[in-house]
PDB file of N, CA and C in Angstrom:
ATOM      1  N   THR A   1       0.877  -1.210   0.035  1.00  0.00           N
ATOM      2  CA  THR A   1      -0.057   0.041  -0.083  1.00  0.00           C
ATOM      3  C   THR A   1       0.854   1.566   0.245  1.00  0.00           C
ATOM      4  N   LYS A   2       0.275   2.271  -0.494  1.00  0.00           N
ATOM      5  CA  LYS A   2       0.996   3.470  -0.739  1.00  0.00           C
ATOM      6  C   LYS A   2       0.824   4.196   0.633  1.00  0.00           C
ATOM      7  N   LEU A   3       1.955   4.705   1.328  1.00  0.00           N
ATOM      8  CA  LEU A   3       1.798   5.728   2.283  1.00  0.00           C
ATOM      9  C   LEU A   3       1.173   7.076   1.920  1.00  0.00           C
ATOM     10  N   PRO A   4       0.418   7.433   3.070  1.00  0.00           N
ATOM     11  CA  PRO A   4      -0.199   8.871   2.908  1.00  0.00           C
ATOM     12  C   PRO A   4       0.752   9.840   2.557  1.00  0.00           C
ATOM     13  N   LEU A   5       0.151  10.788   1.609  1.00  0.00           N
ATOM     14  CA  LEU A   5       0.850  11.773   1.232  1.00  0.00           C
ATOM     15  C   LEU A   5       0.776  12.911   1.681  1.00  0.00           C
ATOM     16  N   VAL A   6       1.614  13.973   2.542  1.00  0.00           N
ATOM     17  CA  VAL A   6       1.508  15.137   3.061  1.00  0.00           C
ATOM     18  C   VAL A   6       2.174  16.254   2.184  1.00  0.00           C
ATOM     19  N   VAL A   7       1.234  17.496   2.078  1.00  0.00           N
ATOM     20  CA  VAL A   7       1.750  18.474   1.331  1.00  0.00           C
ATOM     21  C   VAL A   7       1.968  19.578   2.225  1.00  0.00           C
ATOM     22  N   ILE A   8       3.150  20.303   2.321  1.00  0.00           N
ATOM     23  CA  ILE A   8       3.517  21.360   3.348  1.00  0.00           C
ATOM     24  C   ILE A   8       3.578  22.479   2.493  1.00  0.00           C
ATOM     25  N   ASP A   9       3.071  23.731   2.821  1.00  0.00           N
ATOM     26  CA  ASP A   9       3.056  24.794   2.414  1.00  0.00           C
ATOM     27  C   ASP A   9       4.356  25.465   3.188  1.00  0.00           C
ATOM     28  N   GLY A  10       5.396  25.449   2.326  1.00  0.00           N
ATOM     29  CA  GLY A  10       6.694  25.855   2.877  1.00  0.00           C
ATOM     30  C   GLY A  10       6.857  27.229   3.374  1.00  0.00           C
ATOM     31  N   ALA A  11       6.597  28.087   2.425  1.00  0.00           N
ATOM     32  CA  ALA A  11       6.703  29.440   2.729  1.00  0.00           C
ATOM     33  C   ALA A  11       5.824  29.996   3.888  1.00  0.00           C
ATOM     34  N   ASN A  12       5.027  29.570   4.443  1.00  0.00           N
ATOM     35  CA  ASN A  12       3.977  29.706   5.599  1.00  0.00           C
ATOM     36  C   ASN A  12       4.662  29.089   6.659  1.00  0.00           C
ATOM     37  N   VAL A  13       5.178  28.214   6.593  1.00  0.00           N
ATOM     38  CA  VAL A  13       5.557  26.992   7.612  1.00  0.00           C
ATOM     39  C   VAL A  13       7.268  27.597   7.902  1.00  0.00           C
ATOM     40  N   ALA A  14       7.913  28.410   7.004  1.00  0.00           N
ATOM     41  CA  ALA A  14       9.403  28.895   7.238  1.00  0.00           C
ATOM     42  C   ALA A  14       8.860  30.198   8.188  1.00  0.00           C
ATOM     43  N   TYR A  15       8.012  31.029   7.667  1.00  0.00           N
ATOM     44  CA  TYR A  15       7.545  32.230   7.813  1.00  0.00           C
ATOM     45  C   TYR A  15       6.983  32.052   9.624  1.00  0.00           C
ATOM     46  N   ALA A  16       6.373  31.484   9.619  1.00  0.00           N
ATOM     47  CA  ALA A  16       5.386  31.288  10.740  1.00  0.00           C
ATOM     48  C   ALA A  16       6.482  30.834  12.157  1.00  0.00           C
ATOM     49  N   TYR A  17       7.295  29.863  11.608  1.00  0.00           N
ATOM     50  CA  TYR A  17       8.316  29.226  12.556  1.00  0.00           C
ATOM     51  C   TYR A  17       9.332  30.418  12.917  1.00  0.00           C
ATOM     52  N   ALA A  18       9.625  31.286  12.208  1.00  0.00           N
ATOM     53  CA  ALA A  18      10.335  32.457  12.458  1.00  0.00           C
ATOM     54  C   ALA A  18       9.704  33.416  13.413  1.00  0.00           C
ATOM     55  N   GLN A  19       8.578  33.659  13.012  1.00  0.00           N
ATOM     56  CA  GLN A  19       7.698  34.469  13.822  1.00  0.00           C
ATOM     57  C   GLN A  19       7.536  33.697  15.340  1.00  0.00           C
ATOM     58  N   ALA A  20       7.405  32.265  15.475  1.00  0.00           N
ATOM     59  CA  ALA A  20       7.377  31.936  16.577  1.00  0.00           C
ATOM     60  C   ALA A  20       8.706  31.971  17.143  1.00  0.00           C
ATOM     61  N   LEU A  21       9.812  32.050  17.040  1.00  0.00           N
ATOM     62  CA  LEU A  21      10.916  32.001  17.356  1.00  0.00           C
ATOM     63  C   LEU A  21      11.385  33.418  17.941  1.00  0.00           C
ATOM     64  N   GLY A  22      10.491  34.202  17.569  1.00  0.00           N
ATOM     65  CA  GLY A  22      10.522  35.690  17.718  1.00  0.00           C
ATOM     66  C   GLY A  22      11.586  36.550  16.815  1.00  0.00           C
ATOM     67  N   MET A  23      11.772  35.926  15.923  1.00  0.00           N
ATOM     68  CA  MET A  23      12.630  36.495  14.972  1.00  0.00           C
ATOM     69  C   MET A  23      11.730  37.515  14.048  1.00  0.00           C
ATOM     70  N   ASN A  24      10.383  37.825  14.148  1.00  0.00           N
ATOM     71  CA  ASN A  24       9.456  38.836  13.218  1.00  0.00           C
ATOM     72  C   ASN A  24       9.464  40.060  13.843  1.00  0.00           C
ATOM     73  N   PRO A  25       9.888  41.015  13.349  1.00  0.00           N
ATOM     74  CA  PRO A  25       9.810  42.262  14.082  1.00  0.00           C
ATOM     75  C   PRO A  25       8.323  42.827  13.753  1.00  0.00           C
ATOM     76  N   ASN A  26       7.630  42.023  12.775  1.00  0.00           N
ATOM     77  CA  ASN A  26       6.223  42.486  12.530  1.00  0.00           C
ATOM     78  C   ASN A  26       5.352  41.854  13.336  1.00  0.00           C
ATOM     79  N   THR A  27       4.233  42.228  13.458  1.00  0.00           N
ATOM     80  CA  THR A  27       2.981  41.724  14.517  1.00  0.00           C
ATOM     81  C   THR A  27       2.312  40.619  13.772  1.00  0.00           C
ATOM     82  N   SER A  28       2.128  40.692  12.524  1.00  0.00           N
ATOM     83  CA  SER A  28       1.387  39.739  11.616  1.00  0.00           C
ATOM     84  C   SER A  28       2.128  39.408  10.638  1.00  0.00           C
ATOM     85  N   LEU A  29       2.126  37.989   9.987  1.00  0.00           N
ATOM     86  CA  LEU A  29       2.719  37.677   8.793  1.00  0.00           C
ATOM     87  C   LEU A  29       2.319  38.660   7.700  1.00  0.00           C
ATOM     88  N   GLY A  30       1.311  39.335   7.584  1.00  0.00           N
ATOM     89  CA  GLY A  30       0.830  39.761   6.302  1.00  0.00           C
ATOM     90  C   GLY A  30       1.290  41.491   6.771  1.00  0.00           C
ATOM     91  N   SER A  31       1.758  41.924   7.705  1.00  0.00           N
ATOM     92  CA  SER A  31       1.988  43.276   7.908  1.00  0.00           C
ATOM     93  C   SER A  31       3.210  43.511   6.560  1.00  0.00           C
ATOM     94  N   LYS A  32       3.495  44.689   6.106  1.00  0.00           N
ATOM     95  CA  LYS A  32       4.120  45.349   5.148  1.00  0.00           C
ATOM     96  C   LYS A  32       5.102  46.463   5.903  1.00  0.00           C
ATOM     97  N   SER A  33       5.233  46.529   7.151  1.00  0.00           N
ATOM     98  CA  SER A  33       6.265  47.410   7.620  1.00  0.00           C
ATOM     99  C   SER A  33       7.697  46.862   7.104  1.00  0.00           C
ATOM    100  N   ILE A  34       8.277  48.269   7.910  1.00  0.00           N
ATOM    101  CA  ILE A  34       9.887  48.277   7.163  1.00  0.00           C
ATOM    102  C   ILE A  34      10.377  46.952   8.396  1.00  0.00           C
ATOM    103  N   GLY A  35      11.534  46.275   7.967  1.00  0.00           N
ATOM    104  CA  GLY A  35      11.960  45.378   8.763  1.00  0.00           C
ATOM    105  C   GLY A  35      11.177  43.783   8.750  1.00  0.00           C
ATOM    106  N   ARG A  36      11.292  43.384   7.089  1.00  0.00           N
ATOM    107  CA  ARG A  36      10.460  42.261   6.541  1.00  0.00           C
ATOM    108  C   ARG A  36      11.286  41.212   7.443  1.00  0.00           C
ATOM    109  N   THR A  37      10.738  39.855   7.758  1.00  0.00           N
ATOM    110  CA  THR A  37      10.968  38.766   8.435  1.00  0.00           C
ATOM    111  C   THR A  37      11.670  37.836   7.036  1.00  0.00           C
ATOM    112  N   GLU A  38      12.608  37.287   7.742  1.00  0.00           N
ATOM    113  CA  GLU A  38      13.274  36.237   6.619  1.00  0.00           C
ATOM    114  C   GLU A  38      12.678  34.871   6.939  1.00  0.00           C
ATOM    115  N   PRO A  39      12.294  34.138   6.232  1.00  0.00           N
ATOM    116  CA  PRO A  39      11.957  32.802   6.397  1.00  0.00           C
ATOM    117  C   PRO A  39      12.723  32.194   7.217  1.00  0.00           C
ATOM    118  N   GLU A  40      12.605  31.161   7.863  1.00  0.00           N
ATOM    119  CA  GLU A  40      13.325  30.206   8.810  1.00  0.00           C
ATOM    120  C   GLU A  40      13.221  28.845   8.368  1.00  0.00           C
ATOM    121  N   VAL A  41      14.103  28.309   7.327  1.00  0.00           N
ATOM    122  CA  VAL A  41      14.102  26.641   6.653  1.00  0.00           C
ATOM    123  C   VAL A  41      14.132  25.794   7.564  1.00  0.00           C
ATOM    124  N   LEU A  42      14.642  26.276   8.986  1.00  0.00           N
ATOM    125  CA  LEU A  42      14.525  25.032   9.965  1.00  0.00           C
ATOM    126  C   LEU A  42      13.359  24.648  10.002  1.00  0.00           C
ATOM    127  N   GLY A  43      12.406  25.573  10.011  1.00  0.00           N
ATOM    128  CA  GLY A  43      11.082  25.041  10.482  1.00  0.00           C
ATOM    129  C   GLY A  43      10.247  24.128   9.461  1.00  0.00           C
ATOM    130  N   ILE A  44      10.801  24.257   8.093  1.00  0.00           N
ATOM    131  CA  ILE A  44      10.171  23.344   6.912  1.00  0.00           C
ATOM    132  C   ILE A  44      10.893  21.894   7.416  1.00  0.00           C
ATOM    133  N   GLU A  45      12.085  21.731   7.775  1.00  0.00           N
ATOM    134  CA  GLU A  45      12.962  20.772   8.169  1.00  0.00           C
ATOM    135  C   GLU A  45      12.411  20.088   9.397  1.00  0.00           C
ATOM    136  N   ILE A  46      12.067  20.657  10.206  1.00  0.00           N
ATOM    137  CA  ILE A  46      11.437  19.866  11.328  1.00  0.00           C
ATOM    138  C   ILE A  46       9.873  19.260  10.807  1.00  0.00           C
ATOM    139  N   ALA A  47       9.368  19.995  10.199  1.00  0.00           N
ATOM    140  CA  ALA A  47       8.202  19.663   9.431  1.00  0.00           C
ATOM    141  C   ALA A  47       7.898  18.488   8.797  1.00  0.00           C
ATOM    142  N   VAL A  48       8.953  18.218   7.938  1.00  0.00           N
ATOM    143  CA  VAL A  48       9.097  17.148   7.078  1.00  0.00           C
ATOM    144  C   VAL A  48       9.784  16.228   7.824  1.00  0.00           C
ATOM    145  N   LYS A  49      10.630  16.179   8.753  1.00  0.00           N
ATOM    146  CA  LYS A  49      10.972  15.055   9.648  1.00  0.00           C
ATOM    147  C   LYS A  49       9.897  14.700  10.322  1.00  0.00           C
ATOM    148  N   TYR A  50       9.328  15.299  11.052  1.00  0.00           N
ATOM    149  CA  TYR A  50       7.882  14.891  11.752  1.00  0.00           C
ATOM    150  C   TYR A  50       7.248  13.816  10.951  1.00  0.00           C
ATOM    151  N   PHE A  51       6.765  14.405   9.810  1.00  0.00           N
ATOM    152  CA  PHE A  51       5.950  13.477   8.971  1.00  0.00           C
ATOM    153  C   PHE A  51       6.511  12.453   8.394  1.00  0.00           C
ATOM    154  N   LEU A  52       7.971  12.676   7.967  1.00  0.00           N
ATOM    155  CA  LEU A  52       8.626  11.235   7.489  1.00  0.00           C
ATOM    156  C   LEU A  52       8.613  10.164   8.529  1.00  0.00           C
ATOM    157  N   ASP A  53       9.109  10.746  10.123  1.00  0.00           N
ATOM    158  CA  ASP A  53       9.094   9.700  11.323  1.00  0.00           C
ATOM    159  C   ASP A  53       7.733   9.134  11.235  1.00  0.00           C
ATOM    160  N   ALA A  54       6.543   9.896  10.932  1.00  0.00           N
ATOM    161  CA  ALA A  54       5.306   9.229  11.388  1.00  0.00           C
ATOM    162  C   ALA A  54       5.021   8.065  10.027  1.00  0.00           C
ATOM    163  N   GLY A  55       5.725   8.291   9.256  1.00  0.00           N
ATOM    164  CA  GLY A  55       5.393   6.803   8.080  1.00  0.00           C
ATOM    165  C   GLY A  55       4.552   7.718   6.821  1.00  0.00           C
ATOM    166  N   CYS A  56       4.704   8.845   6.727  1.00  0.00           N
ATOM    167  CA  CYS A  56       4.078   9.581   5.372  1.00  0.00           C
ATOM    168  C   CYS A  56       5.342   9.740   4.446  1.00  0.00           C
ATOM    169  N   ARG A  57       4.767  10.079   3.400  1.00  0.00           N
ATOM    170  CA  ARG A  57       5.334  10.729   1.932  1.00  0.00           C
ATOM    171  C   ARG A  57       5.025  12.449   2.585  1.00  0.00           C
ATOM    172  N   VAL A  58       6.124  12.799   1.995  1.00  0.00           N
ATOM    173  CA  VAL A  58       6.262  14.429   2.157  1.00  0.00           C
ATOM    174  C   VAL A  58       6.502  15.048   0.744  1.00  0.00           C
ATOM    175  N   GLN A  59       5.961  16.248   0.354  1.00  0.00           N
ATOM    176  CA  GLN A  59       5.971  17.212  -0.569  1.00  0.00           C
ATOM    177  C   GLN A  59       6.218  18.596   0.057  1.00  0.00           C
ATOM    178  N   VAL A  60       6.955  19.443  -0.264  1.00  0.00           N
ATOM    179  CA  VAL A  60       7.089  20.621   0.218  1.00  0.00           C
ATOM    180  C   VAL A  60       6.916  21.743  -1.134  1.00  0.00           C
ATOM    181  N   VAL A  61       6.056  22.595  -0.793  1.00  0.00           N
ATOM    182  CA  VAL A  61       5.549  23.152  -2.065  1.00  0.00           C
ATOM    183  C   VAL A  61       6.145  24.745  -1.577  1.00  0.00           C
ATOM    184  N   ILE A  62       7.202  25.383  -2.605  1.00  0.00           N
ATOM    185  CA  ILE A  62       7.636  26.582  -2.105  1.00  0.00           C
ATOM    186  C   ILE A  62       7.615  27.839  -3.535  1.00  0.00           C
ATOM    187  N   PRO A  63       7.833  28.652  -3.071  1.00  0.00           N
ATOM    188  CA  PRO A  63       7.914  30.262  -4.216  1.00  0.00           C
ATOM    189  C   PRO A  63       8.919  29.561  -5.097  1.00  0.00           C
ATOM    190  N   LEU A  64       8.634  29.698  -6.526  1.00  0.00           N
ATOM    191  CA  LEU A  64      10.013  29.560  -7.437  1.00  0.00           C
ATOM    192  C   LEU A  64      10.935  30.427  -7.090  1.00  0.00           C
ATOM    193  N   TYR A  65      10.884  31.830  -6.854  1.00  0.00           N
ATOM    194  CA  TYR A  65      11.979  32.637  -6.549  1.00  0.00           C
ATOM    195  C   TYR A  65      12.702  32.125  -5.444  1.00  0.00           C
ATOM    196  N   TRP A  66      12.374  30.954  -4.443  1.00  0.00           N
ATOM    197  CA  TRP A  66      13.384  30.476  -3.788  1.00  0.00           C
ATOM    198  C   TRP A  66      14.342  29.302  -4.264  1.00  0.00           C
ATOM    199  N   MET A  67      14.044  28.989  -5.575  1.00  0.00           N
ATOM    200  CA  MET A  67      14.787  28.054  -5.905  1.00  0.00           C
ATOM    201  C   MET A  67      16.255  29.052  -6.510  1.00  0.00           C
ATOM    202  N   ARG A  68      17.307  28.367  -6.766  1.00  0.00           N
ATOM    203  CA  ARG A  68      18.257  29.036  -7.301  1.00  0.00           C
ATOM    204  C   ARG A  68      18.529  28.189  -8.530  1.00  0.00           C
ATOM    205  N   ARG A  69      18.600  28.926  -9.596  1.00  0.00           N
ATOM    206  CA  ARG A  69      18.770  28.508 -10.871  1.00  0.00           C
ATOM    207  C   ARG A  69      19.804  29.040 -11.955  1.00  0.00           C
ATOM    208  N   LYS A  70      19.966  28.377 -12.553  1.00  0.00           N
ATOM    209  CA  LYS A  70      20.839  28.686 -13.743  1.00  0.00           C
ATOM    210  C   LYS A  70      20.184  29.813 -14.529  1.00  0.00           C
ATOM    211  N   PRO A  71      20.914  30.983 -14.988  1.00  0.00           N
ATOM    212  CA  PRO A  71      20.322  31.822 -15.750  1.00  0.00           C
ATOM    213  C   PRO A  71      19.636  31.006 -17.329  1.00  0.00           C
ATOM    214  N   ASN A  72      20.372  30.103 -17.517  1.00  0.00           N
ATOM    215  CA  ASN A  72      20.203  29.568 -18.927  1.00  0.00           C
ATOM    216  C   ASN A  72      19.264  28.302 -18.511  1.00  0.00           C
ATOM    217  N   ASP A  73      18.602  28.027 -17.416  1.00  0.00           N
ATOM    218  CA  ASP A  73      17.876  26.783 -17.134  1.00  0.00           C
ATOM    219  C   ASP A  73      16.453  27.184 -17.596  1.00  0.00           C
ATOM    220  N   ASP A  74      16.294  26.798 -19.214  1.00  0.00           N
ATOM    221  CA  ASP A  74      14.599  27.208 -19.671  1.00  0.00           C
ATOM    222  C   ASP A  74      14.102  25.915 -19.610  1.00  0.00           C
ATOM    223  N   ASN A  75      14.526  24.810 -19.140  1.00  0.00           N
ATOM    224  CA  ASN A  75      13.658  23.496 -19.015  1.00  0.00           C
ATOM    225  C   ASN A  75      12.480  23.586 -17.710  1.00  0.00           C
ATOM    226  N   ASN A  76      12.825  24.651 -16.565  1.00  0.00           N
ATOM    227  CA  ASN A  76      12.108  24.591 -15.377  1.00  0.00           C
ATOM    228  C   ASN A  76      10.635  24.929 -15.733  1.00  0.00           C
ATOM    229  N   ASN A  77       9.713  24.221 -15.370  1.00  0.00           N
ATOM    230  CA  ASN A  77       8.415  24.619 -15.565  1.00  0.00           C
ATOM    231  C   ASN A  77       7.578  25.379 -14.692  1.00  0.00           C
ATOM    232  N   GLY A  78       8.402  25.712 -13.688  1.00  0.00           N
ATOM    233  CA  GLY A  78       7.894  26.558 -12.548  1.00  0.00           C
ATOM    234  C   GLY A  78       7.562  25.890 -11.192  1.00  0.00           C
ATOM    235  N   ASN A  79       8.090  24.480 -11.279  1.00  0.00           N
ATOM    236  CA  ASN A  79       7.795  23.558 -10.071  1.00  0.00           C
ATOM    237  C   ASN A  79       9.104  22.991  -9.712  1.00  0.00           C
ATOM    238  N   GLY A  80       9.348  23.171  -8.302  1.00  0.00           N
ATOM    239  CA  GLY A  80      10.490  22.780  -7.689  1.00  0.00           C
ATOM    240  C   GLY A  80      10.189  21.462  -7.073  1.00  0.00           C
ATOM    241  N   THR A  81      11.121  20.742  -7.389  1.00  0.00           N
ATOM    242  CA  THR A  81      11.153  19.368  -6.792  1.00  0.00           C
ATOM    243  C   THR A  81      12.570  18.950  -5.863  1.00  0.00           C
ATOM    244  N   ILE A  82      11.869  18.508  -4.553  1.00  0.00           N
ATOM    245  CA  ILE A  82      13.155  18.159  -3.797  1.00  0.00           C
ATOM    246  C   ILE A  82      12.978  16.646  -3.618  1.00  0.00           C
ATOM    247  N   LYS A  83      14.069  15.970  -3.986  1.00  0.00           N
ATOM    248  CA  LYS A  83      14.113  14.424  -4.124  1.00  0.00           C
ATOM    249  C   LYS A  83      14.379  14.107  -2.679  1.00  0.00           C
ATOM    250  N   GLN A  84      13.954  12.913  -2.048  1.00  0.00           N
ATOM    251  CA  GLN A  84      14.491  12.266  -1.042  1.00  0.00           C
ATOM    252  C   GLN A  84      15.435  11.186  -1.415  1.00  0.00           C
ATOM    253  N   LYS A  85      16.186  11.220  -0.358  1.00  0.00           N
ATOM    254  CA  LYS A  85      17.198  10.196  -0.469  1.00  0.00           C
ATOM    255  C   LYS A  85      16.620   8.681  -0.103  1.00  0.00           C
TER     256      LYS A  85
END
């Protein structure tokens, strides 16, 4: 049987984790004030590990601009994929 699939919104998890750690100078995630919060990718790693340890398959969806691409990489269709080991 196939393991259950968990899809994680990586951007929201990373920003929420940064806010929970007190790294957010803003009062809410939607705030546009000066001093924008940087996402904390450790939050994504923790979430992925949690679900993998629970026996699930995991996919993380992140914004395309978070991916570092070569300028001549025209084969990317806008989806980032992270392969599991």
